[in-house]
Amino acid sequence: MPKAAVAGPWSSKIRQHEAIAAADPDLAFDLHVLSGPAELAAHLAARRDRTVVLRPEISDDTGSAVLVRPGAALPEPEIRRLWERGGRIVAHDHVPGTPCFVNGVVLDGTLRLTDVWRCFSLEEGPRSLLTSVVNLAPGSARERELARRLAPVINSAGLTEGPVTFEAVTDADGTVKVVKFAARAAGHPLPHLCSLLGLPDQAAALAGGPQTLADRPQAPGFVADYAFVARVGGRLVRFEGLDEIRALPSYAGDIFLPTPGETITVTTGEGGAGAILLRHRDEEVLLADVEFCQRRNRAGVFSVTP
């Protein structure tokens, strides 16, 4: 799953939120900035009936969110680690929808999207573990709408040239909420997945200008990576049902998979303990295979001994 350092003047999620809200209040979460444990405890006590998302003000990778769910025990170790990063914690109520990675470039002050990915995840305790990304078709109505809604953010932030990446949540009613943005290129494996589709990534778009994006194939097909979660660490005995997974219509190869006898660790962030590549011309076929993997992943695929 994509990971890249967040640096520069927009590293603070608080500053990002201010720019997002100034561009379009409807794009912004109702964000609360918490400066200490007592403030956080009071905030959570007032929201026992809903899921609250906590993030460090500044983080150096994706997957840093902690979810405090109604009726569940407070995830004290995870919250403590958020404070150990230093700085403040930002909180907002969970907004249901489809998370997306939206990547693009700013050319002469205009936002042009290069690649958009819908995200799939598994809910595991206080974490939402990213398992897969699937590309949207270039030039689709959804991509055009995201470009229109996000363009004011780059203007509000004063971005005039270079790569930009967003994490957003969308729903069927057209609501868009921006989780965060950064003036940088997307991390691995998104540029590689673009190359598999024959799509220009951000670097290619910057080198070739608007014409490169205008020449994008309108039907390049669909590709996904899929990561499997390890809930127990230890020495791998077997990967349950691997033959079935490799027989899926969209299966296109292993990215990395442990072999029996290897030691695997519990998945706490992104990437999982093993990952495969899925690729198909038919979006419905690929999405069905992602859902198959999701079901297998929920049931557990790694058999281990301590």
Protein backbone atom coordinates (compact mmCIF):
# COMPACT_ATOMS: atom_id res chain seq x y z
CA MET A 1 0.00 0.00 0.00
CA PRO A 2 1.22 3.54 -0.70
CA LYS A 3 3.54 5.11 1.83
CA ALA A 4 5.55 8.26 1.46
CA ALA A 5 6.97 10.92 3.71
CA VAL A 6 4.79 13.94 4.40
CA ALA A 7 6.96 17.03 4.46
CA GLY A 8 6.86 20.73 3.80
CA PRO A 9 4.52 23.53 4.86
CA TRP A 10 1.40 21.36 4.55
CA SER A 11 2.57 18.53 6.81
CA SER A 12 0.17 19.65 9.56
CA LYS A 13 -3.32 18.19 9.24
CA ILE A 14 -4.58 21.28 11.03
CA ARG A 15 -3.18 23.58 8.34
CA GLN A 16 -4.54 21.24 5.68
CA HIS A 17 -7.99 21.39 7.27
CA GLU A 18 -7.89 25.18 7.31
CA ALA A 19 -7.09 25.26 3.58
CA ILE A 20 -9.78 22.70 2.79
CA ALA A 21 -12.44 24.55 4.79
CA ALA A 22 -11.45 27.87 3.20
CA ALA A 23 -11.77 26.33 -0.28
CA ASP A 24 -15.13 24.64 0.35
CA PRO A 25 -16.60 24.07 3.85
CA ASP A 26 -18.53 21.05 2.54
CA LEU A 27 -15.24 19.25 1.81
CA ALA A 28 -13.99 19.57 5.41
CA PHE A 29 -14.59 17.30 8.38
CA ASP A 30 -15.79 18.83 11.64
CA LEU A 31 -12.27 18.68 13.05
CA HIS A 32 -11.35 18.97 16.73
CA VAL A 33 -7.78 19.73 17.82
CA LEU A 34 -6.79 18.10 21.11
CA SER A 35 -3.71 19.22 22.99
CA GLY A 36 -3.55 16.70 25.83
CA PRO A 37 -4.97 13.46 27.26
CA ALA A 38 -7.55 15.22 29.48
CA GLU A 39 -8.97 17.10 26.48
CA LEU A 40 -9.10 13.89 24.47
CA ALA A 41 -10.83 11.97 27.27
CA ALA A 42 -13.53 14.64 27.55
CA HIS A 43 -14.01 14.68 23.78
CA LEU A 44 -14.46 10.91 23.62
CA ALA A 45 -16.76 10.86 26.64
CA ALA A 46 -19.13 13.19 24.82
CA ARG A 47 -19.16 10.89 21.76
CA ARG A 48 -19.69 7.42 23.20
CA ASP A 49 -22.47 6.75 20.67
CA ARG A 50 -20.35 7.09 17.52
CA THR A 51 -17.05 6.10 15.97
CA VAL A 52 -14.37 8.77 16.37
CA VAL A 53 -11.29 8.88 14.16
CA LEU A 54 -8.04 10.02 15.81
CA ARG A 55 -4.90 10.99 13.91
CA PRO A 56 -1.60 12.59 14.86
CA GLU A 57 -1.29 16.16 13.68
CA ILE A 58 1.79 15.15 11.69
CA SER A 59 2.56 11.64 10.47
CA ASP A 60 5.24 10.28 8.16
CA ASP A 61 3.12 7.60 6.51
CA THR A 62 -0.43 6.48 5.80
CA GLY A 63 -2.42 4.22 8.07
CA SER A 64 -1.89 6.24 11.27
CA ALA A 65 -5.60 6.61 12.15
CA VAL A 66 -7.00 5.06 15.33
CA LEU A 67 -10.74 4.36 15.53
CA VAL A 68 -12.57 4.58 18.85
CA ARG A 69 -15.74 2.56 18.31
CA PRO A 70 -18.96 2.77 20.34
CA GLY A 71 -19.25 0.01 22.92
CA ALA A 72 -15.62 -1.07 22.52
CA ALA A 73 -12.91 -0.69 25.12
CA LEU A 74 -10.78 2.40 24.72
CA PRO A 75 -7.68 1.44 22.67
CA GLU A 76 -5.26 2.81 25.25
CA PRO A 77 -1.99 1.46 23.73
CA GLU A 78 -2.80 2.91 20.30
CA ILE A 79 -3.80 6.27 21.77
CA ARG A 80 -0.64 6.35 23.85
CA ARG A 81 1.42 5.80 20.71
CA LEU A 82 -0.33 8.75 19.06
CA TRP A 83 0.79 11.01 21.91
CA GLU A 84 4.30 9.56 21.74
CA ARG A 85 4.63 10.97 18.22
CA GLY A 86 4.56 14.43 19.79
CA GLY A 87 2.34 17.32 18.84
CA ARG A 88 -1.42 17.34 18.96
CA ILE A 89 -4.14 14.87 17.99
CA VAL A 90 -6.90 15.73 15.55
CA ALA A 91 -10.31 14.06 15.83
CA HIS A 92 -13.44 13.87 13.72
CA ASP A 93 -16.56 11.71 13.70
CA HIS A 94 -16.35 8.82 11.26
CA VAL A 95 -18.03 9.57 7.92
CA PRO A 96 -19.24 6.46 6.05
CA GLY A 97 -18.32 6.16 2.41
CA THR A 98 -15.64 4.91 0.02
CA PRO A 99 -12.08 6.01 0.78
CA CYS A 100 -10.12 7.05 -2.31
CA PHE A 101 -6.56 8.03 -3.19
CA VAL A 102 -6.70 10.85 -5.72
CA ASN A 103 -3.44 11.76 -7.46
CA GLY A 104 -2.67 14.51 -9.88
CA VAL A 105 -0.45 17.35 -10.95
CA VAL A 106 -0.79 21.12 -10.91
CA LEU A 107 0.19 22.67 -14.24
CA ASP A 108 0.06 26.46 -14.55
CA GLY A 109 -2.17 26.59 -11.49
CA THR A 110 -4.68 24.02 -12.83
CA LEU A 111 -5.33 20.66 -11.15
CA ARG A 112 -5.23 17.71 -13.55
CA LEU A 113 -5.86 14.22 -12.15
CA THR A 114 -3.62 11.36 -13.24
CA ASP A 115 -4.96 8.36 -11.31
CA VAL A 116 -7.75 7.69 -8.80
CA TRP A 117 -8.05 4.58 -6.61
CA ARG A 118 -10.95 3.33 -4.54
CA CYS A 119 -9.80 1.66 -1.34
CA PHE A 120 -10.92 -1.54 0.35
CA SER A 121 -10.20 -2.34 3.97
CA LEU A 122 -10.94 -4.69 6.86
CA GLU A 123 -12.12 -3.35 10.20
CA GLU A 124 -9.78 -4.81 12.83
CA GLY A 125 -10.28 -3.47 16.35
CA PRO A 126 -9.12 0.16 16.48
CA ARG A 127 -7.72 0.02 12.94
CA SER A 128 -9.12 0.04 9.45
CA LEU A 129 -6.50 -2.00 7.57
CA LEU A 130 -6.15 -1.12 3.89
CA THR A 131 -6.21 -4.32 1.84
CA SER A 132 -6.64 -3.23 -1.78
CA VAL A 133 -6.84 -0.35 -4.23
CA VAL A 134 -8.67 -0.50 -7.58
CA ASN A 135 -8.34 2.20 -10.23
CA LEU A 136 -11.20 4.27 -11.54
CA ALA A 137 -11.51 4.44 -15.31
CA PRO A 138 -9.73 7.55 -16.65
CA GLY A 139 -12.13 10.26 -17.72
CA SER A 140 -15.05 8.70 -15.84
CA ALA A 141 -17.80 10.93 -14.48
CA ARG A 142 -16.60 10.22 -10.95
CA GLU A 143 -13.03 11.27 -11.78
CA ARG A 144 -14.25 14.47 -13.41
CA GLU A 145 -16.39 15.31 -10.40
CA LEU A 146 -13.45 14.74 -8.03
CA ALA A 147 -11.28 17.03 -10.15
CA ARG A 148 -13.95 19.73 -10.02
CA ARG A 149 -14.46 19.46 -6.26
CA LEU A 150 -10.76 19.30 -5.37
CA ALA A 151 -9.52 22.10 -7.63
CA PRO A 152 -10.42 24.85 -5.10
CA VAL A 153 -8.20 23.16 -2.49
CA ILE A 154 -5.04 23.56 -4.54
CA ASN A 155 -5.95 27.21 -5.10
CA SER A 156 -6.59 27.74 -1.39
CA ALA A 157 -3.23 26.14 -0.59
CA GLY A 158 -1.43 28.28 -3.16
CA LEU A 159 -0.13 25.29 -5.14
CA THR A 160 0.81 26.37 -8.66
CA GLU A 161 3.06 23.60 -10.02
CA GLY A 162 3.98 20.05 -9.13
CA PRO A 163 2.45 16.81 -7.88
CA VAL A 164 -0.39 16.63 -5.37
CA THR A 165 -2.11 13.70 -3.69
CA PHE A 166 -5.37 13.57 -1.75
CA GLU A 167 -7.05 11.07 0.52
CA ALA A 168 -10.82 11.54 0.34
CA VAL A 169 -14.08 9.82 1.27
CA THR A 170 -16.98 9.76 -1.20
CA ASP A 171 -20.50 8.36 -1.05
CA ALA A 172 -23.27 7.51 -3.51
CA ASP A 173 -24.98 10.86 -2.91
CA GLY A 174 -21.96 12.75 -4.23
CA THR A 175 -20.62 13.86 -0.85
CA VAL A 176 -16.85 14.33 -0.81
CA LYS A 177 -14.77 14.83 2.33
CA VAL A 178 -11.02 15.44 2.13
CA VAL A 179 -9.11 13.54 4.81
CA LYS A 180 -5.74 15.06 3.92
CA PHE A 181 -3.59 16.26 1.03
CA ALA A 182 0.10 16.68 0.33
CA ALA A 183 2.17 18.44 -2.32
CA ARG A 184 4.09 15.32 -3.30
CA ALA A 185 3.88 12.29 -5.54
CA ALA A 186 1.99 9.18 -4.44
CA GLY A 187 4.03 6.36 -2.97
CA HIS A 188 4.55 2.75 -3.98
CA PRO A 189 2.84 0.82 -5.52
CA LEU A 190 0.57 3.34 -7.25
CA PRO A 191 3.10 4.49 -9.91
CA HIS A 192 3.83 0.82 -10.70
CA LEU A 193 0.11 0.03 -11.00
CA CYS A 194 -0.23 2.99 -13.37
CA SER A 195 2.53 1.58 -15.55
CA LEU A 196 0.77 -1.80 -15.70
CA LEU A 197 -2.28 -0.02 -17.09
CA GLY A 198 -0.31 2.13 -19.52
CA LEU A 199 -1.42 5.27 -17.69
CA PRO A 200 0.90 8.24 -17.13
CA ASP A 201 1.71 8.63 -13.45
CA GLN A 202 2.42 12.01 -11.87
CA ALA A 203 6.07 12.09 -12.95
CA ALA A 204 5.13 11.35 -16.57
CA ALA A 205 2.36 13.96 -16.51
CA LEU A 206 4.74 16.61 -15.20
CA ALA A 207 7.30 15.73 -17.87
CA GLY A 208 4.82 15.63 -20.72
CA GLY A 209 2.37 18.33 -19.73
CA PRO A 210 -1.36 18.42 -20.48
CA GLN A 211 -0.95 16.55 -23.78
CA THR A 212 0.23 13.45 -21.92
CA LEU A 213 -2.99 13.37 -19.90
CA ALA A 214 -5.11 14.11 -22.94
CA ASP A 215 -3.69 11.00 -24.59
CA ARG A 216 -4.64 8.65 -21.74
CA PRO A 217 -6.39 5.48 -22.94
CA GLN A 218 -10.06 5.67 -21.99
CA ALA A 219 -10.37 1.93 -21.34
CA PRO A 220 -7.06 0.67 -19.97
CA GLY A 221 -8.68 -2.05 -17.86
CA PHE A 222 -8.45 -2.45 -14.11
CA VAL A 223 -5.72 -3.46 -11.70
CA ALA A 224 -5.46 -3.99 -7.95
CA ASP A 225 -3.01 -5.11 -5.35
CA TYR A 226 -4.43 -7.20 -2.52
CA ALA A 227 -2.83 -7.62 0.91
CA PHE A 228 -3.62 -10.42 3.38
CA VAL A 229 -3.76 -9.74 7.10
CA ALA A 230 -1.90 -11.79 9.72
CA ARG A 231 -3.74 -11.76 13.05
CA VAL A 232 -1.27 -14.07 14.80
CA GLY A 233 2.48 -13.98 14.45
CA GLY A 234 4.71 -17.03 14.26
CA ARG A 235 6.15 -19.56 11.85
CA LEU A 236 3.98 -20.09 8.80
CA VAL A 237 2.62 -23.61 8.38
CA ARG A 238 0.50 -22.96 5.30
CA PHE A 239 -1.44 -20.33 3.37
CA GLU A 240 -5.04 -21.57 3.44
CA GLY A 241 -6.79 -21.74 0.06
CA LEU A 242 -3.91 -20.31 -1.95
CA ASP A 243 -4.72 -22.50 -4.96
CA GLU A 244 -8.26 -21.05 -5.07
CA ILE A 245 -6.91 -17.52 -4.92
CA ARG A 246 -4.43 -18.16 -7.70
CA ALA A 247 -7.27 -19.59 -9.80
CA LEU A 248 -9.28 -16.33 -9.70
CA PRO A 249 -10.01 -14.91 -13.18
CA SER A 250 -8.12 -11.69 -12.42
CA TYR A 251 -5.14 -13.22 -10.59
CA ALA A 252 -2.00 -11.80 -12.21
CA GLY A 253 0.82 -12.95 -9.93
CA ASP A 254 2.26 -12.78 -6.44
CA ILE A 255 3.69 -9.49 -5.24
CA PHE A 256 5.16 -11.07 -2.12
CA LEU A 257 4.01 -14.13 -0.20
CA PRO A 258 5.66 -15.92 2.72
CA THR A 259 6.55 -19.57 2.29
CA PRO A 260 6.07 -22.31 4.90
CA GLY A 261 8.70 -22.06 7.59
CA GLU A 262 9.03 -18.28 7.36
CA THR A 263 8.21 -16.13 10.36
CA ILE A 264 5.39 -13.64 9.92
CA THR A 265 4.33 -10.84 12.24
CA VAL A 266 0.92 -9.52 13.21
CA THR A 267 -0.39 -6.93 10.76
CA THR A 268 -0.82 -3.57 12.50
CA GLY A 269 -0.46 -1.18 9.58
CA GLU A 270 -0.55 -1.41 5.81
CA GLY A 271 0.91 -3.97 3.46
CA GLY A 272 -0.16 -7.16 5.22
CA ALA A 273 1.89 -10.32 5.50
CA GLY A 274 1.48 -11.21 1.84
CA ALA A 275 0.11 -9.59 -1.30
CA ILE A 276 -1.00 -10.52 -4.81
CA LEU A 277 -1.74 -8.63 -8.03
CA LEU A 278 -5.15 -8.68 -9.71
CA ARG A 279 -5.78 -7.46 -13.27
CA HIS A 280 -8.69 -7.74 -15.71
CA ARG A 281 -10.34 -5.83 -18.55
CA ASP A 282 -13.76 -6.24 -16.91
CA GLU A 283 -14.25 -4.13 -13.77
CA GLU A 284 -17.03 -6.37 -12.43
CA VAL A 285 -14.82 -9.46 -12.65
CA LEU A 286 -11.99 -7.77 -10.79
CA LEU A 287 -14.29 -6.35 -8.09
CA ALA A 288 -15.83 -9.80 -7.56
CA ASP A 289 -12.34 -11.22 -7.05
CA VAL A 290 -11.49 -8.45 -4.58
CA GLU A 291 -14.63 -9.33 -2.61
CA PHE A 292 -13.66 -13.03 -2.69
CA CYS A 293 -10.27 -12.11 -1.23
CA GLN A 294 -11.97 -9.93 1.37
CA ARG A 295 -14.07 -12.89 2.55
CA ARG A 296 -11.02 -15.16 2.70
CA ASN A 297 -9.06 -12.48 4.50
CA ARG A 298 -11.79 -12.03 7.13
CA ALA A 299 -11.76 -15.78 7.77
CA GLY A 300 -7.94 -15.84 7.96
CA VAL A 301 -5.49 -17.35 5.49
CA PHE A 302 -2.32 -17.81 7.55
CA SER A 303 -1.92 -20.96 9.64
CA VAL A 304 1.03 -20.47 12.01
CA THR A 305 2.74 -22.05 15.01
CA PRO A 306 4.21 -19.86 17.77
